[in-house]
Structures are given as C-alpha cells and as structure tokens.
C-alpha cells in the first residue's frame, strides 16, 4: 500500500462527502454533527499513467497499482481532549495513519448548519489543531512524569528520551506541530515511537463551493486566510527539500490521464492545500468512465480530487514508485525516497530480501524507449546493482535472489 490518510475536520465541514468523492464509497453524509461515529475506511488504487503505459507495452495478464487507505474520522470539536464529542476515541484513530488531510469548510449552504455562527476557515482550523496539540501535550507530560519516577532508579537509562520529550513539550507549548527538521535522525525514530499526531505530515483540503471550481483564488473565504500559489519546484515537503519537476510525483511523476495538465498547488500556513468541491467530486465519482471527461470540462476541473491528494501526499511523505514485472503480473510499489534495493526487495517479499543477490534495473524512460525488458537488456541499458543501490522514482526492478 502507498500510504494511509486520515480525514479530519469540524463536524459538517464535508469530511464524509470528501471521503465519498475520493473512494467512491457511499457512506452516510448528513448535515448533523457526528454523523460518522466509527471511522469509515476505503482503499483506493493510485492513478498512475506510467503503469498504464507500461501495461500497454508488455500486455501482462494482471496489473496491480499501489493504493491509498483513506480513513474518515468523526468530527472534532472544542474540548475533545476533555472528552467532548467523541473525544479521545476520535484522537486515537488519527494516531494510526501516515498523513492527515484536514478538511476546512469554505462553502456556504443554508441547509448545512455550521458549528459556529459564520464560515471562518482560520478559526475552524485553529479549533481542530489546538485540540490535537493539547492531546499530544498531555501524552508527553504523562510520559515525562513517568520518567521522573524511573529516574530515581536509573537517571542515565532514560536521559535521551527525557531530553527529546522536553524538546517536544517546548514546541507543543507554543501550540505548534512538530517539525522533522528540528530533530536528528536518531531523535526522529524516538519521536515516532511516541505516536504523536503532531508529528504526522498534515495538508489541507479546502471544501469549496461549486462556483469556485477552476478559479485562480477559489472561495470568498480563502483570500482571508492568505492562500498563495506554489509551483512544483517549491512545494513544501516534510523534510524541507525543494524538489524540481522530476521530484514532484503523482504516484511517481506521471500525469493521471493522457493529455492532462496538473493543477498548481496552493499553500496556507506553510502546508499544501488541495481545493476540492466535495459535492461535485462526489457526483463525479458516481459517473461512468465515458462521462467523466465531459463533466470535468463543463466545470473547468483540471484534475480529480484523488489525483491532487495523491500528488500532495506523495510529496509531504517523500514517497516514490517503482515497478516490477514478474511472470504475468506488472505491479507498482510505493517506498520512501532514498530506499535501497535491498529494502525494496523486502517490500516485495521477505524471501527476496533474505536471499538478495542483485537487482536488474531499467529506468521507466529507458523501458518505454526500448519497448521491453528484453530490448533494454540487448542494448546494454539494463544496469546490475547491489544491495546499496538507491532506488529511483520510476525504476523497473527485477530482483535476483536465492534462498
């Protein structure tokens, strides 16, 4: 699987509608608080034009894309950390996902009441994120209290953990989410072990009105919160890298549909934003394939919501895609950037990693140019790599192993 993404937001922000649109599952989406009590889960194939192109070339019997798991979690309200609404049960569901999509309401609808008297994305985002920060701060303080008691037995044993927890507490006390750039690699591993929500990458989904689809500044509410356009070259990632076009992948750099143009990415508060009209996207998800293109043209939709979410998700999690062609199956795999061939083999099967001999590698571009694995091999364009080889986005791998 590619990654898991939790969908959060205030009640009636359109979370379940967005979930329906992204997964094409018909879950309840009603205009009253806490319509979603238990989390809804949907696993969605990642749109990947490169996989489609490879399939046309090699004509395998089976094509398996990588996937994303979306989790629609109950709406969060003020004082959830004290048990209001669904309280800590809600927060517990968020701790299990890789990334967070925070749905912020940017539309007016008289038949869908707002938790507050007016639409204000900045206030709504602050309410939800403050609850998350307070919840994490309570976990950190509880752990620090436990370490203080353990220190009476052995202060040296838990010294590093205590130091990192105090560093985290200082950030959370400023009502800020954690930033991975503030920690060393060793510290990051320790941070992950605490299961803090504030350590997860977060992006916003602006649930906009139908009339704002395709607008350069969608929504009468968005300019109030200082949205700015970003180009692919300076999309913020979780590790602070600035990637060029080649490093700005949609499931590994391919456009979702032939002839499609990628919509520009926007940002707010230093995080990427995906503007989606939940109602239109939900309707789009229910259409037969031949009607999707005309529908999108009618509303000037540059790409589907799932494509935008995948683009941003892969960027903030620093993920890439590689491919394998084994027997009659062509398959896409998702891994973090800077993954070795040895670790990538383990992603496929533990036996491959255990008995790893070598990796035969062809780049996607070379494979397409040659037309087949055999032709690339004949032209000497297949490289033979060892365990330490760092897999590149779009590589087609053939792992040789023996157990």
Protein backbone atom coordinates (compact mmCIF):
# COMPACT_ATOMS: atom_id res chain seq x y z
CA UNK A 1 0.00 0.00 0.00
CA UNK A 2 1.12 3.56 -0.71
CA UNK A 3 0.12 5.32 2.49
CA UNK A 4 -2.81 5.81 4.86
CA UNK A 5 -4.50 9.18 5.18
CA UNK A 6 -6.87 10.24 7.94
CA UNK A 7 -9.56 12.78 7.03
CA UNK A 8 -10.28 15.19 9.88
CA UNK A 9 -12.19 18.43 10.42
CA UNK A 10 -15.05 20.03 12.30
CA UNK A 11 -18.49 18.43 12.11
CA UNK A 12 -20.33 19.44 8.89
CA UNK A 13 -17.11 20.51 7.17
CA UNK A 14 -17.78 17.96 4.43
CA UNK A 15 -15.40 15.22 5.56
CA UNK A 16 -17.65 12.31 4.66
CA UNK A 17 -18.58 13.90 1.33
CA UNK A 18 -14.88 14.28 0.53
CA UNK A 19 -14.32 10.67 1.62
CA UNK A 20 -17.11 9.53 -0.71
CA UNK A 21 -15.58 11.52 -3.56
CA UNK A 22 -12.10 10.10 -3.03
CA UNK A 23 -13.15 6.49 -2.53
CA UNK A 24 -16.42 6.27 -4.47
CA UNK A 25 -17.94 4.61 -1.39
CA UNK A 26 -21.41 5.71 -0.37
CA UNK A 27 -21.09 6.34 3.37
CA UNK A 28 -23.55 8.47 5.26
CA UNK A 29 -23.00 12.20 4.75
CA UNK A 30 -25.74 14.02 6.65
CA UNK A 31 -25.98 17.66 7.85
CA UNK A 32 -25.79 16.95 11.55
CA UNK A 33 -22.81 16.60 13.92
CA UNK A 34 -21.16 13.21 14.48
CA UNK A 35 -22.82 11.52 11.51
CA UNK A 36 -19.59 9.50 11.40
CA UNK A 37 -19.20 7.65 14.70
CA UNK A 38 -16.91 4.76 13.79
CA UNK A 39 -14.26 5.52 11.15
CA UNK A 40 -15.07 4.62 7.54
CA UNK A 41 -12.17 3.05 5.63
CA UNK A 42 -11.67 2.93 1.87
CA UNK A 43 -8.70 1.61 -0.11
CA UNK A 44 -8.22 3.37 -3.46
CA UNK A 45 -5.92 2.46 -6.40
CA UNK A 46 -3.42 5.23 -7.08
CA UNK A 47 -3.90 6.83 -10.53
CA UNK A 48 -0.65 6.20 -12.41
CA UNK A 49 -0.32 6.87 -16.14
CA UNK A 50 3.16 5.31 -16.18
CA UNK A 51 1.72 2.00 -15.00
CA UNK A 52 -0.92 2.24 -17.74
CA UNK A 53 1.76 2.96 -20.37
CA UNK A 54 3.91 0.05 -19.22
CA UNK A 55 0.87 -2.24 -19.34
CA UNK A 56 0.21 -1.25 -22.96
CA UNK A 57 3.79 -2.16 -23.84
CA UNK A 58 4.12 -5.52 -22.08
CA UNK A 59 0.44 -6.59 -22.08
CA UNK A 60 0.56 -8.54 -18.77
CA UNK A 61 -2.32 -10.70 -17.63
CA UNK A 62 -2.53 -8.79 -14.36
CA UNK A 63 -1.82 -5.14 -13.48
CA UNK A 64 -1.68 -4.17 -9.80
CA UNK A 65 -1.42 -0.50 -8.87
CA UNK A 66 -0.29 0.73 -5.49
CA UNK A 67 -3.04 2.08 -3.25
CA UNK A 68 -4.01 4.58 -0.56
CA UNK A 69 -6.10 3.89 2.51
CA UNK A 70 -8.43 6.73 3.48
CA UNK A 71 -9.94 6.85 6.95
CA UNK A 72 -12.91 9.15 7.57
CA UNK A 73 -12.82 10.03 11.25
CA UNK A 74 -15.59 11.58 13.36
CA UNK A 75 -15.76 15.38 13.53
CA UNK A 76 -13.68 17.06 16.21
CA UNK A 77 -15.00 19.88 18.38
CA UNK A 78 -13.55 22.19 21.00
CA UNK A 79 -12.51 20.40 24.22
CA UNK A 80 -12.35 16.98 22.52
CA UNK A 81 -9.24 16.29 24.61
CA UNK A 82 -11.51 16.52 27.67
CA UNK A 83 -13.94 14.01 26.18
CA UNK A 84 -16.32 16.39 24.38
CA UNK A 85 -17.96 14.86 21.29
CA UNK A 86 -16.21 11.58 20.71
CA UNK A 87 -13.12 12.92 22.45
CA UNK A 88 -10.08 10.71 22.81
CA UNK A 89 -11.69 7.91 20.79
CA UNK A 90 -11.52 10.22 17.78
CA UNK A 91 -7.94 11.22 18.52
CA UNK A 92 -6.89 7.57 18.89
CA UNK A 93 -7.99 6.79 15.33
CA UNK A 94 -5.74 9.58 13.95
CA UNK A 95 -2.62 8.14 15.57
CA UNK A 96 -2.68 5.10 13.28
CA UNK A 97 -2.41 6.94 9.92
CA UNK A 98 0.65 8.17 7.97
CA UNK A 99 -0.68 11.59 6.95
CA UNK A 100 -3.60 13.85 7.80
CA UNK A 101 -5.97 15.62 5.42
CA UNK A 102 -7.62 18.46 7.33
CA UNK A 103 -10.91 19.38 5.65
CA UNK A 104 -11.75 23.06 6.12
CA UNK A 105 -15.19 24.33 5.17
CA UNK A 106 -15.06 27.11 2.57
CA UNK A 107 -18.63 27.00 1.27
CA UNK A 108 -21.98 28.42 2.30
CA UNK A 109 -25.06 26.24 2.48
CA UNK A 110 -28.18 27.22 4.42
CA UNK A 111 -29.27 23.59 4.73
CA UNK A 112 -25.94 22.53 6.30
CA UNK A 113 -25.51 24.24 9.67
CA UNK A 114 -22.08 25.30 10.85
CA UNK A 115 -20.85 24.54 14.36
CA UNK A 116 -20.29 28.30 14.76
CA UNK A 117 -22.30 31.27 13.56
CA UNK A 118 -20.26 32.02 10.44
CA UNK A 119 -17.77 30.49 7.99
CA UNK A 120 -14.19 31.17 9.09
CA UNK A 121 -11.56 28.65 7.86
CA UNK A 122 -8.79 30.08 10.06
CA UNK A 123 -10.84 29.76 13.25
CA UNK A 124 -12.06 26.27 12.30
CA UNK A 125 -8.53 25.05 11.59
CA UNK A 126 -7.29 26.51 14.87
CA UNK A 127 -10.01 24.72 16.88
CA UNK A 128 -9.17 21.30 15.43
CA UNK A 129 -5.40 21.68 15.57
CA UNK A 130 -5.40 23.12 19.09
CA UNK A 131 -7.25 20.02 20.32
CA UNK A 132 -4.65 17.82 18.67
CA UNK A 133 -1.76 19.78 20.20
CA UNK A 134 -3.31 19.65 23.70
CA UNK A 135 -3.93 15.92 23.37
CA UNK A 136 -0.29 15.28 22.42
CA UNK A 137 0.94 17.60 25.16
CA UNK A 138 -0.95 15.52 27.74
CA UNK A 139 0.74 12.36 26.45
CA UNK A 140 4.18 13.99 26.64
CA UNK A 141 3.61 15.32 30.16
CA UNK A 142 2.34 11.94 31.34
CA UNK A 143 5.44 10.23 29.91
CA UNK A 144 7.75 12.83 31.46
CA UNK A 145 6.09 12.24 34.84
CA UNK A 146 6.72 8.52 34.49
CA UNK A 147 10.37 9.12 33.57
CA UNK A 148 10.81 11.31 36.64
CA UNK A 149 9.71 8.37 38.78
CA UNK A 150 12.00 5.97 36.89
CA UNK A 151 14.92 8.39 37.27
CA UNK A 152 15.00 7.60 40.96
CA UNK A 153 16.18 4.14 39.92
CA UNK A 154 18.37 4.96 36.90
CA UNK A 155 18.68 8.51 35.56
CA UNK A 156 21.13 7.58 32.79
CA UNK A 157 18.92 4.91 31.21
CA UNK A 158 16.13 7.28 30.13
CA UNK A 159 18.12 10.50 29.77
CA UNK A 160 17.90 10.73 25.96
CA UNK A 161 14.18 10.04 25.93
CA UNK A 162 13.59 12.71 28.56
CA UNK A 163 15.65 15.25 26.60
CA UNK A 164 13.64 14.64 23.40
CA UNK A 165 10.34 14.79 25.29
CA UNK A 166 11.28 18.16 26.79
CA UNK A 167 12.16 19.39 23.30
CA UNK A 168 8.74 18.23 22.07
CA UNK A 169 6.97 19.81 25.04
CA UNK A 170 8.60 23.16 24.29
CA UNK A 171 7.21 23.09 20.72
CA UNK A 172 3.72 21.93 21.75
CA UNK A 173 3.57 24.58 24.47
CA UNK A 174 3.79 27.17 21.68
CA UNK A 175 0.73 25.45 20.13
CA UNK A 176 2.81 24.32 17.16
CA UNK A 177 3.01 20.99 15.34
CA UNK A 178 6.36 19.19 15.37
CA UNK A 179 8.77 19.75 12.50
CA UNK A 180 11.04 16.87 11.50
CA UNK A 181 13.79 19.33 10.57
CA UNK A 182 14.12 20.14 14.28
CA UNK A 183 15.23 16.59 15.11
CA UNK A 184 18.19 14.41 14.22
CA UNK A 185 17.60 11.06 12.50
CA UNK A 186 18.02 9.26 15.82
CA UNK A 187 15.66 11.68 17.56
CA UNK A 188 13.06 11.23 14.79
CA UNK A 189 12.92 7.50 15.49
CA UNK A 190 12.23 8.23 19.12
CA UNK A 191 9.58 10.83 18.25
CA UNK A 192 7.78 8.30 16.02
CA UNK A 193 7.69 5.80 18.88
CA UNK A 194 5.51 8.18 20.93
CA UNK A 195 2.69 8.04 18.34
CA UNK A 196 2.08 11.79 18.44
CA UNK A 197 -0.43 13.20 15.97
CA UNK A 198 1.52 16.45 15.70
CA UNK A 199 4.49 14.54 14.27
CA UNK A 200 2.47 13.47 11.20
CA UNK A 201 2.52 15.48 7.95
CA UNK A 202 -0.68 17.48 7.50
CA UNK A 203 -2.22 19.13 4.46
CA UNK A 204 -5.47 20.99 3.99
CA UNK A 205 -8.46 20.14 1.82
CA UNK A 206 -10.42 23.33 1.17
CA UNK A 207 -14.01 22.21 0.61
CA UNK A 208 -15.10 24.93 -1.81
CA UNK A 209 -18.33 25.95 -3.48
CA UNK A 210 -19.26 24.78 -6.98
CA UNK A 211 -18.89 28.30 -8.41
CA UNK A 212 -15.28 28.49 -7.22
CA UNK A 213 -14.03 25.40 -9.07
CA UNK A 214 -11.29 26.38 -11.52
CA UNK A 215 -10.93 29.88 -10.06
CA UNK A 216 -7.35 31.15 -9.53
CA UNK A 217 -8.39 32.12 -5.98
CA UNK A 218 -11.27 29.80 -5.13
CA UNK A 219 -13.74 30.84 -2.48
CA UNK A 220 -14.63 34.17 -0.96
CA UNK A 221 -13.18 32.86 2.31
CA UNK A 222 -9.78 31.72 1.08
CA UNK A 223 -8.22 35.15 0.41
CA UNK A 224 -8.98 35.99 4.05
CA UNK A 225 -6.55 33.30 5.16
CA UNK A 226 -3.72 34.31 2.84
CA UNK A 227 -3.51 31.49 0.34
CA UNK A 228 -0.61 31.67 -2.08
CA UNK A 229 0.17 29.70 -5.20
CA UNK A 230 3.10 27.35 -5.33
CA UNK A 231 4.87 25.85 -8.31
CA UNK A 232 6.02 22.21 -8.34
CA UNK A 233 9.57 23.46 -7.75
CA UNK A 234 8.91 24.78 -4.26
CA UNK A 235 6.24 22.54 -2.82
CA UNK A 236 7.00 22.17 0.91
CA UNK A 237 7.81 18.61 1.91
CA UNK A 238 8.03 17.05 5.34
CA UNK A 239 11.83 17.14 5.15
CA UNK A 240 12.09 20.67 3.82
CA UNK A 241 13.52 19.71 0.43
CA UNK A 242 12.83 21.79 -2.64
CA UNK A 243 12.12 19.44 -5.48
CA UNK A 244 12.21 20.10 -9.20
CA UNK A 245 9.58 18.79 -11.60
CA UNK A 246 11.14 15.32 -11.57
CA UNK A 247 10.79 15.21 -7.79
CA UNK A 248 7.14 16.25 -7.76
CA UNK A 249 5.49 12.89 -8.33
CA UNK A 250 1.95 11.79 -8.81
CA UNK A 251 2.48 8.16 -7.88
CA UNK A 252 5.97 8.57 -9.30
CA UNK A 253 5.86 11.55 -11.64
CA UNK A 254 3.22 10.56 -14.18
CA UNK A 255 0.23 12.67 -15.07
CA UNK A 256 -3.04 10.98 -14.12
CA UNK A 257 -4.57 10.96 -17.60
CA UNK A 258 -3.10 11.32 -21.05
CA UNK A 259 -3.15 14.95 -22.08
CA UNK A 260 -3.97 16.13 -18.55
CA UNK A 261 -2.41 19.25 -17.09
CA UNK A 262 -1.62 19.29 -13.41
CA UNK A 263 -3.34 21.97 -11.36
CA UNK A 264 -1.00 24.33 -9.49
CA UNK A 265 -0.54 23.57 -5.82
CA UNK A 266 -1.51 26.13 -3.22
CA UNK A 267 -0.38 26.56 0.37
CA UNK A 268 -1.59 28.02 3.62
CA UNK A 269 0.35 28.24 6.87
CA UNK A 270 3.30 26.58 5.16
CA UNK A 271 1.28 23.48 4.24
CA UNK A 272 -0.09 22.35 0.87
CA UNK A 273 -3.77 22.90 0.15
CA UNK A 274 -5.99 20.91 -2.19
CA UNK A 275 -9.15 22.82 -3.18
CA UNK A 276 -11.99 20.32 -3.74
CA UNK A 277 -15.69 20.85 -4.28
CA UNK A 278 -16.90 17.84 -2.31
CA UNK A 279 -20.38 17.85 -3.82
CA UNK A 280 -19.14 17.91 -7.43
CA UNK A 281 -16.40 15.36 -6.75
CA UNK A 282 -18.91 13.01 -5.14
CA UNK A 283 -21.13 13.29 -8.21
CA UNK A 284 -18.13 12.77 -10.49
CA UNK A 285 -17.19 9.58 -8.65
CA UNK A 286 -20.58 8.07 -9.48
CA UNK A 287 -20.36 8.66 -13.24
CA UNK A 288 -19.43 6.00 -15.83
CA UNK A 289 -15.89 6.46 -17.28
CA UNK A 290 -17.08 7.89 -20.61
CA UNK A 291 -18.90 10.75 -18.87
CA UNK A 292 -16.06 11.84 -16.59
CA UNK A 293 -14.13 13.90 -19.17
CA UNK A 294 -17.13 15.96 -20.38
CA UNK A 295 -18.26 16.54 -16.79
CA UNK A 296 -14.82 17.88 -15.82
CA UNK A 297 -14.70 20.14 -18.88
CA UNK A 298 -18.13 21.52 -18.02
CA UNK A 299 -16.87 22.68 -14.61
CA UNK A 300 -13.31 23.53 -15.71
CA UNK A 301 -11.85 20.88 -13.39
CA UNK A 302 -8.12 20.46 -14.08
CA UNK A 303 -7.83 17.11 -12.29
CA UNK A 304 -9.84 14.92 -9.97
CA UNK A 305 -9.59 15.32 -6.23
CA UNK A 306 -7.94 11.92 -5.77
CA UNK A 307 -5.17 12.94 -8.18
CA UNK A 308 -4.46 16.17 -6.28
CA UNK A 309 -4.48 14.37 -2.92
CA UNK A 310 -2.09 11.69 -4.19
CA UNK A 311 0.26 14.34 -5.56
CA UNK A 312 0.44 16.18 -2.26
CA UNK A 313 0.51 13.01 -0.17
CA UNK A 314 3.50 11.60 -2.02
CA UNK A 315 5.30 14.93 -1.74
CA UNK A 316 4.86 15.51 2.00
CA UNK A 317 5.69 11.88 2.82
CA UNK A 318 8.67 11.81 0.42
CA UNK A 319 7.42 8.71 -1.41
CA UNK A 320 8.30 7.32 -4.83
CA UNK A 321 7.05 4.47 -7.01
CA UNK A 322 8.95 1.59 -8.59
CA UNK A 323 7.65 -1.24 -10.77
CA UNK A 324 8.15 -4.98 -11.11
CA UNK A 325 7.28 -7.36 -13.91
CA UNK A 326 7.24 -10.89 -12.56
CA UNK A 327 5.67 -13.65 -14.61
CA UNK A 328 2.34 -12.36 -15.83
CA UNK A 329 1.97 -9.51 -13.31
CA UNK A 330 3.00 -5.88 -13.67
CA UNK A 331 2.92 -4.16 -10.30
CA UNK A 332 3.57 -0.73 -8.78
CA UNK A 333 5.14 -0.36 -5.33
CA UNK A 334 5.42 2.65 -3.05
CA UNK A 335 8.54 3.27 -0.97
CA UNK A 336 10.19 6.25 0.75
CA UNK A 337 12.83 8.15 -1.16
CA UNK A 338 16.40 7.00 -0.53
CA UNK A 339 15.32 3.35 -0.12
CA UNK A 340 17.97 0.76 -1.01
CA UNK A 341 17.40 -2.09 -3.45
CA UNK A 342 17.77 -4.48 -0.51
CA UNK A 343 14.96 -2.76 1.42
CA UNK A 344 12.81 -2.51 -1.73
CA UNK A 345 13.18 -6.28 -2.19
CA UNK A 346 11.77 -6.72 1.32
CA UNK A 347 8.78 -4.62 0.34
CA UNK A 348 8.02 -7.21 -2.36
CA UNK A 349 8.67 -10.31 -0.24
CA UNK A 350 10.80 -11.13 2.80
CA UNK A 351 12.36 -14.09 0.94
CA UNK A 352 13.61 -11.75 -1.79
CA UNK A 353 15.35 -9.62 0.79
CA UNK A 354 16.76 -12.59 2.69
CA UNK A 355 18.19 -14.21 -0.45
CA UNK A 356 19.06 -10.98 -2.32
CA UNK A 357 21.75 -11.42 -4.98
CA UNK A 358 21.38 -8.42 -7.29
CA UNK A 359 18.85 -6.00 -8.78
CA UNK A 360 18.46 -5.59 -12.53
CA UNK A 361 17.34 -2.02 -13.10
CA UNK A 362 15.79 -0.20 -16.06
CA UNK A 363 14.50 3.35 -15.74
CA UNK A 364 10.92 3.98 -16.83
CA UNK A 365 12.09 6.29 -19.63
CA UNK A 366 14.53 3.69 -20.95
CA UNK A 367 11.93 0.93 -20.76
CA UNK A 368 9.46 2.99 -22.78
CA UNK A 369 12.11 3.99 -25.31
CA UNK A 370 13.20 0.38 -25.82
CA UNK A 371 9.71 -1.06 -25.67
CA UNK A 372 10.53 -4.09 -23.50
CA UNK A 373 12.85 -5.51 -20.85
CA UNK A 374 14.44 -7.79 -23.45
CA UNK A 375 15.23 -4.89 -25.81
CA UNK A 376 16.76 -2.84 -22.99
CA UNK A 377 18.90 -5.79 -21.97
CA UNK A 378 20.04 -6.36 -25.58
CA UNK A 379 21.09 -2.71 -25.91
CA UNK A 380 23.06 -2.84 -22.67
CA UNK A 381 20.75 -0.34 -20.99
CA UNK A 382 19.90 -2.54 -18.01
CA UNK A 383 22.17 -1.90 -15.02
CA UNK A 384 23.16 -4.54 -12.45
CA UNK A 385 23.06 -3.15 -8.92
CA UNK A 386 23.84 -4.46 -5.44
CA UNK A 387 22.17 -4.10 -2.06
CA UNK A 388 23.23 -0.50 -1.53
CA UNK A 389 21.75 0.83 -4.77
CA UNK A 390 19.24 3.64 -4.03
CA UNK A 391 16.04 3.00 -5.96
CA UNK A 392 14.97 5.91 -8.15
CA UNK A 393 11.46 7.03 -8.88
CA UNK A 394 10.13 5.08 -11.87
CA UNK A 395 12.70 2.28 -11.81
CA UNK A 396 11.61 -1.08 -13.17
CA UNK A 397 13.29 -3.67 -10.93
CA UNK A 398 13.96 -7.37 -11.39
CA UNK A 399 15.29 -8.80 -8.12
CA UNK A 400 17.50 -11.90 -8.39
CA UNK A 401 17.54 -13.90 -5.19
CA UNK A 402 18.26 -17.37 -3.84
CA UNK A 403 17.16 -18.97 -0.56
